[in-house]
Amino acid sequence: MACTILLPTRSFPAPFTTCDHQEEQPDLATVAAHVHRSKYHLQRLFTEWVGVSPKTYLQYLTTERAKDALRAGRSTLAAAYESGLSGNSRLHDHFLKVAGCTPGEFGRRCAGATLRYAGFPTPFGPAVAVETTVGIAHLAFLSEREQVLTEVKRHFPDAELTSTAGPHTEQVMRYFQEQTPSRPIGLDLRGTPFQLQVWQALLSIPPGQAVSYGDLAQAVGRPSASRAVGTAVGKNPIAYLIPCHRVIRGDGATGGYRWGVERKVVMQDWEGVRASSAEATPAPPARSRSPRY
């Protein structure tokens, strides 16, 4: 069955683990010398394995450090200094580039956010969905809701959680029941630009078809970054709706799956039967919009 996704055009990155010396803002030459590599070699290897350049990765680390400071009630100037930046202007530039919002907007977003979550049955086992006002932020095939909520809390540490199905979750429930959505399903994605690029590419894989990690790397313009693509696929926070189950190994083997290889095989067979059915109804084209916070 086809799935139409209403995907935000900008989103927020998932938290990174703060690295040593991040606050010193080391340049590429300094890092390369520390690991005894040339700048060119470090740039190439880092981009191949991580999916972004060392400079871009440092920008994410810096912004995440600043986010922690803002969550703790620090002023924007204090957050800039604590994250190794020279002042508000550079902090503002980092947030616009990495988070798609200003530091002030981020502070207001973190305060008083309400998340709804609910469990429901699917053809592939029990699932739990978490949603914001924008759309589905997390969907996992788990019987224990606490496992999902623990992960979501890392992204929304100050959010209030409500155990009720919101309109987006209700739409997902109807989607599994009716096999085709009556309107686009909203997603609230949070990841690095590279992860978002990979997840966008996953959305273009038709039901009943499969691509290799190498094919996906080609699709996002990173033919030598199959490992980084595989990592981004494994970080997909929204099961099934972002169809990472349609990615297989280059040798044709099923490959791994975050929610179980057997479930992945069932999904592929289930979709294959419906894709070959003459009664399959195509969904309307996807549209996109920006988050509303």
C-alpha atoms as a PDB file:
ATOM      1  CA  MET A   1       0.000   0.000   0.000  1.00  0.00           C
ATOM      2  CA  ALA A   2       1.159   3.512  -0.686  1.00  0.00           C
ATOM      3  CA  CYS A   3       1.722   6.039   2.052  1.00  0.00           C
ATOM      4  CA  THR A   4       1.653   9.791   1.562  1.00  0.00           C
ATOM      5  CA  ILE A   5       3.705  11.725   4.083  1.00  0.00           C
ATOM      6  CA  LEU A   6       3.315  15.394   4.991  1.00  0.00           C
ATOM      7  CA  LEU A   7       6.968  16.061   5.768  1.00  0.00           C
ATOM      8  CA  PRO A   8       8.337  19.228   7.421  1.00  0.00           C
ATOM      9  CA  THR A   9      10.903  21.017   5.276  1.00  0.00           C
ATOM     10  CA  ARG A  10      13.042  21.920   8.268  1.00  0.00           C
ATOM     11  CA  SER A  11      13.648  19.979  11.407  1.00  0.00           C
ATOM     12  CA  PHE A  12      15.859  19.680  14.441  1.00  0.00           C
ATOM     13  CA  PRO A  13      18.825  17.395  14.865  1.00  0.00           C
ATOM     14  CA  ALA A  14      18.915  14.519  17.243  1.00  0.00           C
ATOM     15  CA  PRO A  15      21.267  14.999  20.220  1.00  0.00           C
ATOM     16  CA  PHE A  16      24.941  14.234  19.742  1.00  0.00           C
ATOM     17  CA  THR A  17      27.307  13.100  22.459  1.00  0.00           C
ATOM     18  CA  THR A  18      29.543  16.034  23.340  1.00  0.00           C
ATOM     19  CA  CYS A  19      33.131  15.373  22.303  1.00  0.00           C
ATOM     20  CA  ASP A  20      36.291  16.393  24.083  1.00  0.00           C
ATOM     21  CA  HIS A  21      37.510  19.920  23.336  1.00  0.00           C
ATOM     22  CA  GLN A  22      34.335  20.915  21.500  1.00  0.00           C
ATOM     23  CA  GLU A  23      34.231  24.221  23.374  1.00  0.00           C
ATOM     24  CA  GLU A  24      37.691  25.039  21.972  1.00  0.00           C
ATOM     25  CA  GLN A  25      36.231  25.044  18.421  1.00  0.00           C
ATOM     26  CA  PRO A  26      39.256  23.276  16.850  1.00  0.00           C
ATOM     27  CA  ASP A  27      39.790  23.735  13.134  1.00  0.00           C
ATOM     28  CA  LEU A  28      40.328  20.898  10.676  1.00  0.00           C
ATOM     29  CA  ALA A  29      44.112  21.198  10.749  1.00  0.00           C
ATOM     30  CA  THR A  30      44.197  20.857  14.544  1.00  0.00           C
ATOM     31  CA  VAL A  31      41.999  17.758  14.551  1.00  0.00           C
ATOM     32  CA  ALA A  32      43.919  16.195  11.663  1.00  0.00           C
ATOM     33  CA  ALA A  33      47.209  16.699  13.469  1.00  0.00           C
ATOM     34  CA  HIS A  34      45.770  15.153  16.632  1.00  0.00           C
ATOM     35  CA  VAL A  35      44.842  11.933  14.797  1.00  0.00           C
ATOM     36  CA  HIS A  36      48.014  11.998  12.661  1.00  0.00           C
ATOM     37  CA  ARG A  37      46.228  12.348   9.330  1.00  0.00           C
ATOM     38  CA  SER A  38      46.316  14.935   6.580  1.00  0.00           C
ATOM     39  CA  LYS A  39      43.431  17.382   6.412  1.00  0.00           C
ATOM     40  CA  TYR A  40      42.323  15.851   3.091  1.00  0.00           C
ATOM     41  CA  HIS A  41      42.409  12.293   4.440  1.00  0.00           C
ATOM     42  CA  LEU A  42      40.505  13.220   7.608  1.00  0.00           C
ATOM     43  CA  GLN A  43      37.884  15.157   5.656  1.00  0.00           C
ATOM     44  CA  ARG A  44      37.301  12.236   3.285  1.00  0.00           C
ATOM     45  CA  LEU A  45      37.193   9.492   5.932  1.00  0.00           C
ATOM     46  CA  PHE A  46      35.055  11.495   8.346  1.00  0.00           C
ATOM     47  CA  THR A  47      32.506  12.407   5.689  1.00  0.00           C
ATOM     48  CA  GLU A  48      32.352   8.809   4.437  1.00  0.00           C
ATOM     49  CA  TRP A  49      31.690   7.347   7.900  1.00  0.00           C
ATOM     50  CA  VAL A  50      29.597  10.093   9.505  1.00  0.00           C
ATOM     51  CA  GLY A  51      27.835  11.557   6.471  1.00  0.00           C
ATOM     52  CA  VAL A  52      28.815  15.186   7.173  1.00  0.00           C
ATOM     53  CA  SER A  53      32.089  17.089   7.234  1.00  0.00           C
ATOM     54  CA  PRO A  54      34.037  17.618  10.499  1.00  0.00           C
ATOM     55  CA  LYS A  55      33.097  21.313  10.417  1.00  0.00           C
ATOM     56  CA  THR A  56      29.396  20.556  10.103  1.00  0.00           C
ATOM     57  CA  TYR A  57      29.596  17.948  12.855  1.00  0.00           C
ATOM     58  CA  LEU A  58      31.284  20.458  15.156  1.00  0.00           C
ATOM     59  CA  GLN A  59      28.478  22.918  14.444  1.00  0.00           C
ATOM     60  CA  TYR A  60      25.950  20.308  15.613  1.00  0.00           C
ATOM     61  CA  LEU A  61      27.953  19.557  18.750  1.00  0.00           C
ATOM     62  CA  THR A  62      28.193  23.258  19.516  1.00  0.00           C
ATOM     63  CA  THR A  63      24.473  23.811  18.997  1.00  0.00           C
ATOM     64  CA  GLU A  64      23.608  20.831  21.185  1.00  0.00           C
ATOM     65  CA  ARG A  65      25.813  22.226  23.969  1.00  0.00           C
ATOM     66  CA  ALA A  66      24.046  25.566  23.626  1.00  0.00           C
ATOM     67  CA  LYS A  67      20.647  23.848  23.719  1.00  0.00           C
ATOM     68  CA  ASP A  68      21.565  22.207  27.026  1.00  0.00           C
ATOM     69  CA  ALA A  69      22.493  25.608  28.427  1.00  0.00           C
ATOM     70  CA  LEU A  70      19.231  27.178  27.237  1.00  0.00           C
ATOM     71  CA  ARG A  71      17.224  24.294  28.720  1.00  0.00           C
ATOM     72  CA  ALA A  72      18.993  24.943  32.026  1.00  0.00           C
ATOM     73  CA  GLY A  73      17.770  28.546  31.981  1.00  0.00           C
ATOM     74  CA  ARG A  74      20.969  30.277  30.828  1.00  0.00           C
ATOM     75  CA  SER A  75      20.786  33.478  28.809  1.00  0.00           C
ATOM     76  CA  THR A  76      21.633  33.314  25.113  1.00  0.00           C
ATOM     77  CA  LEU A  77      24.941  35.088  25.778  1.00  0.00           C
ATOM     78  CA  ALA A  78      25.876  32.622  28.527  1.00  0.00           C
ATOM     79  CA  ALA A  79      24.853  29.721  26.256  1.00  0.00           C
ATOM     80  CA  ALA A  80      27.114  31.111  23.519  1.00  0.00           C
ATOM     81  CA  TYR A  81      30.109  31.356  25.835  1.00  0.00           C
ATOM     82  CA  GLU A  82      29.535  27.913  27.367  1.00  0.00           C
ATOM     83  CA  SER A  83      29.449  26.318  23.919  1.00  0.00           C
ATOM     84  CA  GLY A  84      32.665  28.000  22.787  1.00  0.00           C
ATOM     85  CA  LEU A  85      31.193  30.791  20.678  1.00  0.00           C
ATOM     86  CA  SER A  86      32.165  34.456  20.828  1.00  0.00           C
ATOM     87  CA  GLY A  87      28.688  35.886  21.326  1.00  0.00           C
ATOM     88  CA  ASN A  88      25.018  36.061  20.439  1.00  0.00           C
ATOM     89  CA  SER A  89      25.601  36.677  16.754  1.00  0.00           C
ATOM     90  CA  ARG A  90      27.481  33.411  16.191  1.00  0.00           C
ATOM     91  CA  LEU A  91      24.982  31.533  18.367  1.00  0.00           C
ATOM     92  CA  HIS A  92      22.157  32.939  16.252  1.00  0.00           C
ATOM     93  CA  ASP A  93      23.909  31.848  13.035  1.00  0.00           C
ATOM     94  CA  HIS A  94      24.502  28.321  14.387  1.00  0.00           C
ATOM     95  CA  PHE A  95      20.868  27.871  15.395  1.00  0.00           C
ATOM     96  CA  LEU A  96      19.533  29.071  12.057  1.00  0.00           C
ATOM     97  CA  LYS A  97      21.847  26.703  10.175  1.00  0.00           C
ATOM     98  CA  VAL A  98      21.488  23.639  12.404  1.00  0.00           C
ATOM     99  CA  ALA A  99      18.095  23.935  14.103  1.00  0.00           C
ATOM    100  CA  GLY A 100      16.172  26.043  11.596  1.00  0.00           C
ATOM    101  CA  CYS A 101      15.117  28.505  14.303  1.00  0.00           C
ATOM    102  CA  THR A 102      16.567  31.245  16.495  1.00  0.00           C
ATOM    103  CA  PRO A 103      17.816  30.540  20.057  1.00  0.00           C
ATOM    104  CA  GLY A 104      14.780  32.364  21.417  1.00  0.00           C
ATOM    105  CA  GLU A 105      12.384  30.263  19.354  1.00  0.00           C
ATOM    106  CA  PHE A 106      14.108  27.124  20.553  1.00  0.00           C
ATOM    107  CA  GLY A 107      13.711  28.203  24.188  1.00  0.00           C
ATOM    108  CA  ARG A 108       9.998  28.803  23.713  1.00  0.00           C
ATOM    109  CA  ARG A 109       9.614  25.448  21.935  1.00  0.00           C
ATOM    110  CA  CYS A 110      11.175  23.568  24.842  1.00  0.00           C
ATOM    111  CA  ALA A 111       8.911  25.190  27.414  1.00  0.00           C
ATOM    112  CA  GLY A 112       5.533  23.596  27.938  1.00  0.00           C
ATOM    113  CA  ALA A 113       5.451  21.318  24.890  1.00  0.00           C
ATOM    114  CA  THR A 114       2.828  18.582  25.073  1.00  0.00           C
ATOM    115  CA  LEU A 115       3.323  15.159  23.494  1.00  0.00           C
ATOM    116  CA  ARG A 116       0.582  12.599  23.024  1.00  0.00           C
ATOM    117  CA  TYR A 117       1.308   8.899  22.865  1.00  0.00           C
ATOM    118  CA  ALA A 118      -0.813   5.806  22.357  1.00  0.00           C
ATOM    119  CA  GLY A 119      -0.468   2.113  21.594  1.00  0.00           C
ATOM    120  CA  PHE A 120      -2.467   0.305  18.902  1.00  0.00           C
ATOM    121  CA  PRO A 121      -2.415  -2.971  16.918  1.00  0.00           C
ATOM    122  CA  THR A 122      -0.947  -3.252  13.423  1.00  0.00           C
ATOM    123  CA  PRO A 123      -0.555  -6.153  10.977  1.00  0.00           C
ATOM    124  CA  PHE A 124       3.046  -6.378  12.212  1.00  0.00           C
ATOM    125  CA  GLY A 125       2.461  -6.402  15.951  1.00  0.00           C
ATOM    126  CA  PRO A 126       1.670  -3.814  18.628  1.00  0.00           C
ATOM    127  CA  ALA A 127       3.003  -0.325  18.006  1.00  0.00           C
ATOM    128  CA  VAL A 128       3.380   2.877  19.995  1.00  0.00           C
ATOM    129  CA  ALA A 129       3.187   6.318  18.380  1.00  0.00           C
ATOM    130  CA  VAL A 130       4.224   9.662  19.855  1.00  0.00           C
ATOM    131  CA  GLU A 131       3.048  12.881  18.251  1.00  0.00           C
ATOM    132  CA  THR A 132       3.520  16.628  18.490  1.00  0.00           C
ATOM    133  CA  THR A 133       1.228  19.281  17.040  1.00  0.00           C
ATOM    134  CA  VAL A 134       3.175  18.951  13.775  1.00  0.00           C
ATOM    135  CA  GLY A 135       2.899  15.185  13.297  1.00  0.00           C
ATOM    136  CA  ILE A 136       4.207  11.763  14.294  1.00  0.00           C
ATOM    137  CA  ALA A 137       7.568  12.145  16.051  1.00  0.00           C
ATOM    138  CA  HIS A 138       8.157   8.485  16.892  1.00  0.00           C
ATOM    139  CA  LEU A 139       6.634   5.163  15.884  1.00  0.00           C
ATOM    140  CA  ALA A 140       7.987   1.854  17.122  1.00  0.00           C
ATOM    141  CA  PHE A 141       6.897  -1.777  17.209  1.00  0.00           C
ATOM    142  CA  LEU A 142       7.161  -2.240  20.963  1.00  0.00           C
ATOM    143  CA  SER A 143       4.799  -3.626  23.551  1.00  0.00           C
ATOM    144  CA  GLU A 144       6.407  -1.525  26.299  1.00  0.00           C
ATOM    145  CA  ARG A 145       5.572   2.148  25.872  1.00  0.00           C
ATOM    146  CA  GLU A 146       8.213   3.153  28.396  1.00  0.00           C
ATOM    147  CA  GLN A 147      10.969   2.125  25.977  1.00  0.00           C
ATOM    148  CA  VAL A 148       9.688   4.631  23.423  1.00  0.00           C
ATOM    149  CA  LEU A 149       9.023   7.381  25.936  1.00  0.00           C
ATOM    150  CA  THR A 150      12.523   7.149  27.371  1.00  0.00           C
ATOM    151  CA  GLU A 151      13.956   7.831  23.931  1.00  0.00           C
ATOM    152  CA  VAL A 152      11.466  10.600  23.182  1.00  0.00           C
ATOM    153  CA  LYS A 153      12.300  12.303  26.477  1.00  0.00           C
ATOM    154  CA  ARG A 154      15.849  12.756  25.221  1.00  0.00           C
ATOM    155  CA  HIS A 155      14.514  14.938  22.419  1.00  0.00           C
ATOM    156  CA  PHE A 156      11.802  16.685  24.447  1.00  0.00           C
ATOM    157  CA  PRO A 157      13.217  16.804  27.992  1.00  0.00           C
ATOM    158  CA  ASP A 158      10.736  19.415  29.231  1.00  0.00           C
ATOM    159  CA  ALA A 159       7.652  18.116  27.450  1.00  0.00           C
ATOM    160  CA  GLU A 160       4.472  17.036  29.166  1.00  0.00           C
ATOM    161  CA  LEU A 161       3.325  13.549  28.132  1.00  0.00           C
ATOM    162  CA  THR A 162      -0.331  12.694  27.693  1.00  0.00           C
ATOM    163  CA  SER A 163      -1.525   9.113  27.249  1.00  0.00           C
ATOM    164  CA  THR A 164      -4.134   9.794  24.586  1.00  0.00           C
ATOM    165  CA  ALA A 165      -4.235   9.262  20.853  1.00  0.00           C
ATOM    166  CA  GLY A 166      -4.057  12.569  19.011  1.00  0.00           C
ATOM    167  CA  PRO A 167      -5.312  13.290  15.482  1.00  0.00           C
ATOM    168  CA  HIS A 168      -2.068  12.195  13.800  1.00  0.00           C
ATOM    169  CA  THR A 169      -1.980   8.875  15.656  1.00  0.00           C
ATOM    170  CA  GLU A 170      -5.652   8.279  14.878  1.00  0.00           C
ATOM    171  CA  GLN A 171      -4.843   8.842  11.219  1.00  0.00           C
ATOM    172  CA  VAL A 172      -2.024   6.274  11.389  1.00  0.00           C
ATOM    173  CA  MET A 173      -4.429   3.793  12.984  1.00  0.00           C
ATOM    174  CA  ARG A 174      -6.888   4.343  10.121  1.00  0.00           C
ATOM    175  CA  TYR A 175      -4.017   4.000   7.675  1.00  0.00           C
ATOM    176  CA  PHE A 176      -3.276   0.470   8.842  1.00  0.00           C
ATOM    177  CA  GLN A 177      -6.980  -0.396   8.855  1.00  0.00           C
ATOM    178  CA  GLU A 178      -7.909   1.085   5.466  1.00  0.00           C
ATOM    179  CA  GLN A 179      -4.559   0.463   3.675  1.00  0.00           C
ATOM    180  CA  THR A 180      -4.524   3.958   2.196  1.00  0.00           C
ATOM    181  CA  PRO A 181      -4.674   7.346   3.969  1.00  0.00           C
ATOM    182  CA  SER A 182      -7.522   9.719   3.270  1.00  0.00           C
ATOM    183  CA  ARG A 183      -5.060  12.617   3.513  1.00  0.00           C
ATOM    184  CA  PRO A 184      -1.294  13.057   3.991  1.00  0.00           C
ATOM    185  CA  ILE A 185       0.173  11.877   7.286  1.00  0.00           C
ATOM    186  CA  GLY A 186       2.218  14.514   9.097  1.00  0.00           C
ATOM    187  CA  LEU A 187       5.688  13.687  10.430  1.00  0.00           C
ATOM    188  CA  ASP A 188       7.762  15.704  12.878  1.00  0.00           C
ATOM    189  CA  LEU A 189      11.308  14.557  12.067  1.00  0.00           C
ATOM    190  CA  ARG A 190      14.423  15.458  14.014  1.00  0.00           C
ATOM    191  CA  GLY A 191      17.814  14.560  12.629  1.00  0.00           C
ATOM    192  CA  THR A 192      20.931  15.845  10.947  1.00  0.00           C
ATOM    193  CA  PRO A 193      20.565  17.180   7.403  1.00  0.00           C
ATOM    194  CA  PHE A 194      22.214  13.977   6.150  1.00  0.00           C
ATOM    195  CA  GLN A 195      19.776  11.782   8.090  1.00  0.00           C
ATOM    196  CA  LEU A 196      16.826  13.812   6.819  1.00  0.00           C
ATOM    197  CA  GLN A 197      18.160  13.447   3.280  1.00  0.00           C
ATOM    198  CA  VAL A 198      18.369   9.672   3.665  1.00  0.00           C
ATOM    199  CA  TRP A 199      14.884   9.468   5.212  1.00  0.00           C
ATOM    200  CA  GLN A 200      13.494  11.568   2.366  1.00  0.00           C
ATOM    201  CA  ALA A 201      15.043   9.108  -0.079  1.00  0.00           C
ATOM    202  CA  LEU A 202      13.439   6.196   1.786  1.00  0.00           C
ATOM    203  CA  LEU A 203      10.035   7.800   1.258  1.00  0.00           C
ATOM    204  CA  SER A 204      10.546   7.597  -2.501  1.00  0.00           C
ATOM    205  CA  ILE A 205      10.876   3.777  -2.523  1.00  0.00           C
ATOM    206  CA  PRO A 206       7.554   2.338  -3.774  1.00  0.00           C
ATOM    207  CA  PRO A 207       5.788  -0.359  -1.720  1.00  0.00           C
ATOM    208  CA  GLY A 208       6.741  -3.861  -2.783  1.00  0.00           C
ATOM    209  CA  GLN A 209      10.173  -2.801  -3.998  1.00  0.00           C
ATOM    210  CA  ALA A 210      13.586  -2.886  -2.337  1.00  0.00           C
ATOM    211  CA  VAL A 211      16.877  -1.069  -2.821  1.00  0.00           C
ATOM    212  CA  SER A 212      20.372  -1.718  -1.504  1.00  0.00           C
ATOM    213  CA  TYR A 213      22.312   0.561   0.803  1.00  0.00           C
ATOM    214  CA  GLY A 214      24.580   1.326  -2.136  1.00  0.00           C
ATOM    215  CA  ASP A 215      21.582   2.329  -4.264  1.00  0.00           C
ATOM    216  CA  LEU A 216      20.392   4.608  -1.469  1.00  0.00           C
ATOM    217  CA  ALA A 217      23.840   6.180  -1.182  1.00  0.00           C
ATOM    218  CA  GLN A 218      23.730   6.895  -4.909  1.00  0.00           C
ATOM    219  CA  ALA A 219      20.261   8.422  -4.547  1.00  0.00           C
ATOM    220  CA  VAL A 220      21.443  10.953  -1.947  1.00  0.00           C
ATOM    221  CA  GLY A 221      24.539  11.848  -3.950  1.00  0.00           C
ATOM    222  CA  ARG A 222      27.007  10.061  -1.639  1.00  0.00           C
ATOM    223  CA  PRO A 223      28.006   6.931  -3.592  1.00  0.00           C
ATOM    224  CA  SER A 224      30.968   6.206  -1.302  1.00  0.00           C
ATOM    225  CA  ALA A 225      29.008   6.690   1.933  1.00  0.00           C
ATOM    226  CA  SER A 226      27.148   3.371   2.168  1.00  0.00           C
ATOM    227  CA  ARG A 227      28.178   2.924   5.802  1.00  0.00           C
ATOM    228  CA  ALA A 228      26.939   6.389   6.764  1.00  0.00           C
ATOM    229  CA  VAL A 229      23.708   5.737   4.864  1.00  0.00           C
ATOM    230  CA  GLY A 230      23.277   2.458   6.738  1.00  0.00           C
ATOM    231  CA  THR A 231      23.750   4.272  10.043  1.00  0.00           C
ATOM    232  CA  ALA A 232      21.157   6.892   9.070  1.00  0.00           C
ATOM    233  CA  VAL A 233      18.709   4.153   8.046  1.00  0.00           C
ATOM    234  CA  GLY A 234      19.224   2.478  11.424  1.00  0.00           C
ATOM    235  CA  LYS A 235      18.443   5.773  13.201  1.00  0.00           C
ATOM    236  CA  ASN A 236      15.033   6.084  11.541  1.00  0.00           C
ATOM    237  CA  PRO A 237      12.673   6.996  14.420  1.00  0.00           C
ATOM    238  CA  ILE A 238       9.400   6.336  12.593  1.00  0.00           C
ATOM    239  CA  ALA A 239       8.875   2.685  11.751  1.00  0.00           C
ATOM    240  CA  TYR A 240       7.091   1.644   8.563  1.00  0.00           C
ATOM    241  CA  LEU A 241       5.892   5.150   7.593  1.00  0.00           C
ATOM    242  CA  ILE A 242       9.513   5.893   6.729  1.00  0.00           C
ATOM    243  CA  PRO A 243      10.124   2.556   4.998  1.00  0.00           C
ATOM    244  CA  CYS A 244      13.608   1.529   6.083  1.00  0.00           C
ATOM    245  CA  HIS A 245      12.296  -2.056   5.807  1.00  0.00           C
ATOM    246  CA  ARG A 246      12.600  -1.656   2.017  1.00  0.00           C
ATOM    247  CA  VAL A 247      16.406  -1.481   2.176  1.00  0.00           C
ATOM    248  CA  ILE A 248      18.371  -4.721   1.753  1.00  0.00           C
ATOM    249  CA  ARG A 249      22.008  -5.711   1.429  1.00  0.00           C
ATOM    250  CA  GLY A 250      23.822  -5.451  -1.877  1.00  0.00           C
ATOM    251  CA  ASP A 251      24.018  -9.244  -2.182  1.00  0.00           C
ATOM    252  CA  GLY A 252      20.226  -9.520  -1.964  1.00  0.00           C
ATOM    253  CA  ALA A 253      20.123 -10.674   1.672  1.00  0.00           C
ATOM    254  CA  THR A 254      17.459  -9.169   3.911  1.00  0.00           C
ATOM    255  CA  GLY A 255      19.879  -7.390   6.201  1.00  0.00           C
ATOM    256  CA  GLY A 256      19.183  -6.165   9.704  1.00  0.00           C
ATOM    257  CA  TYR A 257      16.165  -4.313  11.018  1.00  0.00           C
ATOM    258  CA  ARG A 258      15.762  -2.292  14.177  1.00  0.00           C
ATOM    259  CA  TRP A 259      12.463  -3.963  15.051  1.00  0.00           C
ATOM    260  CA  GLY A 260      13.403  -7.517  14.069  1.00  0.00           C
ATOM    261  CA  VAL A 261      14.418  -9.222  10.817  1.00  0.00           C
ATOM    262  CA  GLU A 262      11.351 -11.514  10.834  1.00  0.00           C
ATOM    263  CA  ARG A 263       9.079  -8.473  11.000  1.00  0.00           C
ATOM    264  CA  LYS A 264      10.997  -6.937   8.091  1.00  0.00           C
ATOM    265  CA  VAL A 265      10.407 -10.021   5.947  1.00  0.00           C
ATOM    266  CA  VAL A 266       6.689 -10.010   6.797  1.00  0.00           C
ATOM    267  CA  MET A 267       6.441  -6.330   5.841  1.00  0.00           C
ATOM    268  CA  GLN A 268       8.146  -6.907   2.506  1.00  0.00           C
ATOM    269  CA  ASP A 269       5.917  -9.890   1.644  1.00  0.00           C
ATOM    270  CA  TRP A 270       2.774  -8.090   2.828  1.00  0.00           C
ATOM    271  CA  GLU A 271       3.549  -5.060   0.676  1.00  0.00           C
ATOM    272  CA  GLY A 272       4.558  -7.195  -2.289  1.00  0.00           C
ATOM    273  CA  VAL A 273       1.177  -8.933  -2.374  1.00  0.00           C
ATOM    274  CA  ARG A 274      -0.692  -5.639  -2.244  1.00  0.00           C
ATOM    275  CA  ALA A 275       1.542  -3.899  -4.754  1.00  0.00           C
ATOM    276  CA  SER A 276       0.812  -6.623  -7.300  1.00  0.00           C
ATOM    277  CA  SER A 277      -2.932  -6.429  -6.708  1.00  0.00           C
ATOM    278  CA  ALA A 278      -4.965  -4.736  -9.407  1.00  0.00           C
ATOM    279  CA  GLU A 279      -7.093  -3.179  -6.681  1.00  0.00           C
ATOM    280  CA  ALA A 280      -4.201  -1.150  -5.249  1.00  0.00           C
ATOM    281  CA  THR A 281      -5.190   2.507  -5.078  1.00  0.00           C
ATOM    282  CA  PRO A 282      -2.437   5.117  -5.474  1.00  0.00           C
ATOM    283  CA  ALA A 283      -2.217   7.786  -2.800  1.00  0.00           C
ATOM    284  CA  PRO A 284      -2.183  11.507  -3.658  1.00  0.00           C
ATOM    285  CA  PRO A 285       1.256  13.150  -4.090  1.00  0.00           C
ATOM    286  CA  ALA A 286       3.172  14.125  -0.984  1.00  0.00           C
ATOM    287  CA  ARG A 287       3.299  17.711   0.161  1.00  0.00           C
ATOM    288  CA  SER A 288       5.625  19.353   2.635  1.00  0.00           C
ATOM    289  CA  ARG A 289       5.452  22.112   5.170  1.00  0.00           C
ATOM    290  CA  SER A 290       7.588  23.625   7.913  1.00  0.00           C
ATOM    291  CA  PRO A 291       7.114  22.771  11.611  1.00  0.00           C
ATOM    292  CA  ARG A 292       4.745  25.081  13.430  1.00  0.00           C
ATOM    293  CA  TYR A 293       6.919  25.809  16.452  1.00  0.00           C
END
